Amino acid sequence: MIKQYEAIYKNGQLQWIYPPPVAIENRRVMVSLADEEDEPKSVDITVLLSQTRGSLGHRMTMEEIDRDVSNMRDEWTRKWDLS
């Protein structure tokens, strides 16, 4: 089974981004290189949260959620008049 690990190649060495794999001495490895534009960008969590604020609309109460679910179920079980 092939497992993937991320590292940065620098000065002839692999610098593991996450904890390194265990027991890799004398094992065959395959290397694939990511394009520079594929590199992950750092994210400012404060900016991200401010950009998404309000995207879910107003908070609903349990009663409102139950009522909406009940209405949706009624629509699915309703007999349609197709004449």
N, C-alpha and C. Protein backbone atom coordinates (compact mmCIF):
# COMPACT_ATOMS: atom_id res chain seq x y z
N MET A 1 0.85 -1.17 0.00
CA MET A 1 0.00 0.00 0.00
C MET A 1 0.89 1.24 0.00
N ILE A 2 0.54 2.22 -0.79
CA ILE A 2 1.31 3.46 -0.86
C ILE A 2 0.71 4.46 0.12
N LYS A 3 1.57 5.05 0.93
CA LYS A 3 1.15 6.10 1.86
C LYS A 3 1.83 7.39 1.44
N GLN A 4 1.15 8.50 1.62
CA GLN A 4 1.69 9.79 1.22
C GLN A 4 2.06 10.62 2.44
N TYR A 5 3.20 11.28 2.33
CA TYR A 5 3.69 12.18 3.37
C TYR A 5 4.17 13.44 2.68
N GLU A 6 4.05 14.58 3.34
CA GLU A 6 4.50 15.83 2.75
C GLU A 6 5.81 16.26 3.37
N ALA A 7 6.71 16.73 2.49
CA ALA A 7 8.00 17.23 2.94
C ALA A 7 8.45 18.31 1.98
N ILE A 8 9.42 19.09 2.41
CA ILE A 8 10.05 20.09 1.56
C ILE A 8 11.49 19.65 1.36
N TYR A 9 11.91 19.61 0.11
CA TYR A 9 13.27 19.22 -0.22
C TYR A 9 14.14 20.47 -0.15
N LYS A 10 15.13 20.48 0.72
CA LYS A 10 15.98 21.65 0.89
C LYS A 10 17.41 21.19 1.18
N ASN A 11 18.33 21.65 0.36
CA ASN A 11 19.75 21.32 0.54
C ASN A 11 20.00 19.82 0.62
N GLY A 12 19.33 19.06 -0.25
CA GLY A 12 19.55 17.62 -0.29
C GLY A 12 18.89 16.83 0.81
N GLN A 13 18.07 17.48 1.59
CA GLN A 13 17.39 16.81 2.71
C GLN A 13 15.87 16.99 2.59
N LEU A 14 15.13 16.02 3.10
CA LEU A 14 13.68 16.17 3.19
C LEU A 14 13.34 16.70 4.57
N GLN A 15 12.63 17.81 4.62
CA GLN A 15 12.16 18.36 5.89
C GLN A 15 10.67 18.07 5.97
N TRP A 16 10.30 17.17 6.86
CA TRP A 16 8.91 16.71 6.96
C TRP A 16 8.04 17.82 7.48
N ILE A 17 6.88 17.99 6.84
CA ILE A 17 5.93 19.03 7.26
C ILE A 17 5.16 18.55 8.48
N TYR A 18 4.78 17.31 8.49
CA TYR A 18 4.06 16.71 9.61
C TYR A 18 4.99 15.67 10.23
N PRO A 19 4.59 14.98 11.25
CA PRO A 19 5.48 13.96 11.81
C PRO A 19 5.95 13.01 10.70
N PRO A 20 7.24 12.69 10.69
CA PRO A 20 7.77 11.86 9.62
C PRO A 20 7.25 10.43 9.71
N PRO A 21 7.26 9.73 8.59
CA PRO A 21 6.85 8.32 8.62
C PRO A 21 7.86 7.52 9.45
N VAL A 22 7.40 6.46 10.03
CA VAL A 22 8.29 5.62 10.84
C VAL A 22 8.88 4.51 9.97
N ALA A 23 10.04 4.07 10.32
CA ALA A 23 10.70 2.92 9.69
C ALA A 23 10.80 3.06 8.18
N ILE A 24 11.48 4.12 7.71
CA ILE A 24 11.63 4.29 6.27
C ILE A 24 13.06 4.03 5.79
N GLU A 25 13.97 3.70 6.69
CA GLU A 25 15.34 3.41 6.28
C GLU A 25 15.37 2.25 5.29
N ASN A 26 16.16 2.40 4.25
CA ASN A 26 16.37 1.37 3.23
C ASN A 26 15.09 0.94 2.53
N ARG A 27 14.17 1.86 2.37
CA ARG A 27 12.93 1.55 1.64
C ARG A 27 12.88 2.39 0.39
N ARG A 28 12.23 1.86 -0.61
CA ARG A 28 12.05 2.57 -1.87
C ARG A 28 11.02 3.68 -1.67
N VAL A 29 11.28 4.85 -2.24
CA VAL A 29 10.33 5.96 -2.15
C VAL A 29 10.05 6.47 -3.56
N MET A 30 8.89 7.06 -3.75
CA MET A 30 8.53 7.72 -5.00
C MET A 30 8.33 9.19 -4.68
N VAL A 31 8.80 10.05 -5.55
CA VAL A 31 8.71 11.48 -5.30
C VAL A 31 7.90 12.12 -6.41
N SER A 32 6.96 12.96 -6.04
CA SER A 32 6.24 13.78 -7.01
C SER A 32 6.35 15.23 -6.54
N LEU A 33 6.50 16.13 -7.47
CA LEU A 33 6.69 17.53 -7.13
C LEU A 33 5.42 18.31 -7.41
N ALA A 34 5.04 19.17 -6.48
CA ALA A 34 3.89 20.04 -6.66
C ALA A 34 4.33 21.31 -7.38
N ASP A 35 3.52 21.81 -8.30
CA ASP A 35 3.81 23.09 -8.93
C ASP A 35 3.78 24.17 -7.88
N GLU A 36 4.50 25.25 -8.12
CA GLU A 36 4.55 26.32 -7.13
C GLU A 36 3.17 26.91 -6.86
N GLU A 37 2.32 27.00 -7.90
CA GLU A 37 0.99 27.57 -7.66
C GLU A 37 0.10 26.62 -6.85
N ASP A 38 0.50 25.36 -6.74
CA ASP A 38 -0.27 24.40 -5.94
C ASP A 38 0.11 24.44 -4.46
N GLU A 39 1.13 25.21 -4.13
CA GLU A 39 1.56 25.27 -2.74
C GLU A 39 0.47 25.90 -1.88
N PRO A 40 0.22 25.33 -0.70
CA PRO A 40 -0.82 25.90 0.16
C PRO A 40 -0.45 27.30 0.63
N LYS A 41 -1.41 28.17 0.63
CA LYS A 41 -1.22 29.54 1.09
C LYS A 41 -1.60 29.61 2.57
N SER A 42 -0.89 30.42 3.31
CA SER A 42 -1.25 30.58 4.71
C SER A 42 -2.56 31.38 4.78
N VAL A 43 -3.37 31.04 5.75
CA VAL A 43 -4.68 31.66 5.89
C VAL A 43 -4.73 32.40 7.21
N ASP A 44 -5.18 33.64 7.16
CA ASP A 44 -5.40 34.41 8.38
C ASP A 44 -6.81 34.08 8.85
N ILE A 45 -6.90 33.33 9.93
CA ILE A 45 -8.21 32.86 10.40
C ILE A 45 -9.14 34.00 10.76
N THR A 46 -8.60 35.11 11.25
CA THR A 46 -9.44 36.27 11.58
C THR A 46 -10.10 36.83 10.34
N VAL A 47 -9.34 36.94 9.25
CA VAL A 47 -9.89 37.44 7.99
C VAL A 47 -10.92 36.45 7.45
N LEU A 48 -10.61 35.16 7.50
CA LEU A 48 -11.54 34.15 7.01
C LEU A 48 -12.87 34.21 7.76
N LEU A 49 -12.82 34.30 9.08
CA LEU A 49 -14.05 34.36 9.86
C LEU A 49 -14.84 35.64 9.58
N SER A 50 -14.15 36.75 9.40
CA SER A 50 -14.87 38.00 9.12
C SER A 50 -15.52 37.95 7.75
N GLN A 51 -14.89 37.26 6.78
CA GLN A 51 -15.47 37.14 5.45
C GLN A 51 -16.69 36.24 5.43
N THR A 52 -16.76 35.28 6.32
CA THR A 52 -17.88 34.33 6.31
C THR A 52 -18.97 34.68 7.31
N ARG A 53 -18.75 35.70 8.12
CA ARG A 53 -19.74 36.08 9.13
C ARG A 53 -21.09 36.36 8.49
N GLY A 54 -22.12 35.75 9.00
CA GLY A 54 -23.47 35.96 8.52
C GLY A 54 -23.85 35.10 7.33
N SER A 55 -22.93 34.26 6.85
CA SER A 55 -23.24 33.47 5.66
C SER A 55 -24.30 32.40 5.93
N LEU A 56 -24.46 32.02 7.18
CA LEU A 56 -25.47 31.02 7.50
C LEU A 56 -26.82 31.63 7.83
N GLY A 57 -26.92 32.94 7.79
CA GLY A 57 -28.18 33.59 8.11
C GLY A 57 -28.42 33.62 9.60
N HIS A 58 -29.67 33.82 9.97
CA HIS A 58 -29.97 33.89 11.40
C HIS A 58 -30.06 32.49 11.99
N ARG A 59 -29.80 32.40 13.26
CA ARG A 59 -29.90 31.11 13.95
C ARG A 59 -31.36 30.74 14.15
N MET A 60 -31.64 29.48 13.97
CA MET A 60 -33.01 29.00 14.12
C MET A 60 -33.15 28.29 15.46
N THR A 61 -34.34 28.38 16.03
CA THR A 61 -34.62 27.64 17.26
C THR A 61 -34.97 26.20 16.88
N MET A 62 -34.94 25.32 17.86
CA MET A 62 -35.31 23.92 17.60
C MET A 62 -36.74 23.82 17.10
N GLU A 63 -37.62 24.67 17.61
CA GLU A 63 -39.01 24.65 17.17
C GLU A 63 -39.12 25.03 15.69
N GLU A 64 -38.33 26.03 15.26
CA GLU A 64 -38.36 26.44 13.85
C GLU A 64 -37.81 25.33 12.96
N ILE A 65 -36.77 24.68 13.41
CA ILE A 65 -36.19 23.58 12.63
C ILE A 65 -37.19 22.43 12.52
N ASP A 66 -37.82 22.06 13.64
CA ASP A 66 -38.82 20.99 13.63
C ASP A 66 -39.97 21.33 12.69
N ARG A 67 -40.42 22.58 12.71
CA ARG A 67 -41.53 23.00 11.85
C ARG A 67 -41.12 22.90 10.38
N ASP A 68 -39.89 23.34 10.04
CA ASP A 68 -39.42 23.26 8.66
C ASP A 68 -39.31 21.81 8.19
N VAL A 69 -38.78 20.94 9.03
CA VAL A 69 -38.65 19.53 8.68
C VAL A 69 -40.03 18.91 8.47
N SER A 70 -40.95 19.25 9.35
CA SER A 70 -42.31 18.72 9.22
C SER A 70 -42.95 19.19 7.91
N ASN A 71 -42.75 20.47 7.56
CA ASN A 71 -43.30 20.99 6.30
C ASN A 71 -42.69 20.29 5.10
N MET A 72 -41.38 20.04 5.15
CA MET A 72 -40.73 19.33 4.04
C MET A 72 -41.27 17.91 3.90
N ARG A 73 -41.46 17.23 5.03
CA ARG A 73 -42.01 15.86 4.97
C ARG A 73 -43.43 15.88 4.41
N ASP A 74 -44.22 16.87 4.80
CA ASP A 74 -45.58 16.98 4.28
C ASP A 74 -45.58 17.16 2.76
N GLU A 75 -44.62 17.95 2.26
CA GLU A 75 -44.54 18.15 0.81
C GLU A 75 -44.21 16.85 0.09
N TRP A 76 -43.35 16.02 0.67
CA TRP A 76 -42.97 14.77 0.03
C TRP A 76 -44.09 13.73 0.06
N THR A 77 -44.91 13.76 1.08
CA THR A 77 -45.96 12.77 1.22
C THR A 77 -47.30 13.24 0.67
N ARG A 78 -47.37 14.48 0.25
CA ARG A 78 -48.61 15.06 -0.25
C ARG A 78 -49.00 14.39 -1.56
N LYS A 79 -50.29 14.15 -1.74
CA LYS A 79 -50.81 13.61 -2.98
C LYS A 79 -50.99 14.78 -3.96
N TRP A 80 -50.31 14.68 -5.09
CA TRP A 80 -50.36 15.75 -6.07
C TRP A 80 -51.55 15.57 -7.01
N ASP A 81 -52.24 16.63 -7.30
CA ASP A 81 -53.33 16.62 -8.26
C ASP A 81 -52.77 16.94 -9.64
N LEU A 82 -52.57 15.90 -10.46
CA LEU A 82 -51.93 16.09 -11.76
C LEU A 82 -52.94 16.17 -12.90
N SER A 83 -54.21 16.31 -12.60
CA SER A 83 -55.21 16.37 -13.68
C SER A 83 -55.35 17.74 -14.26
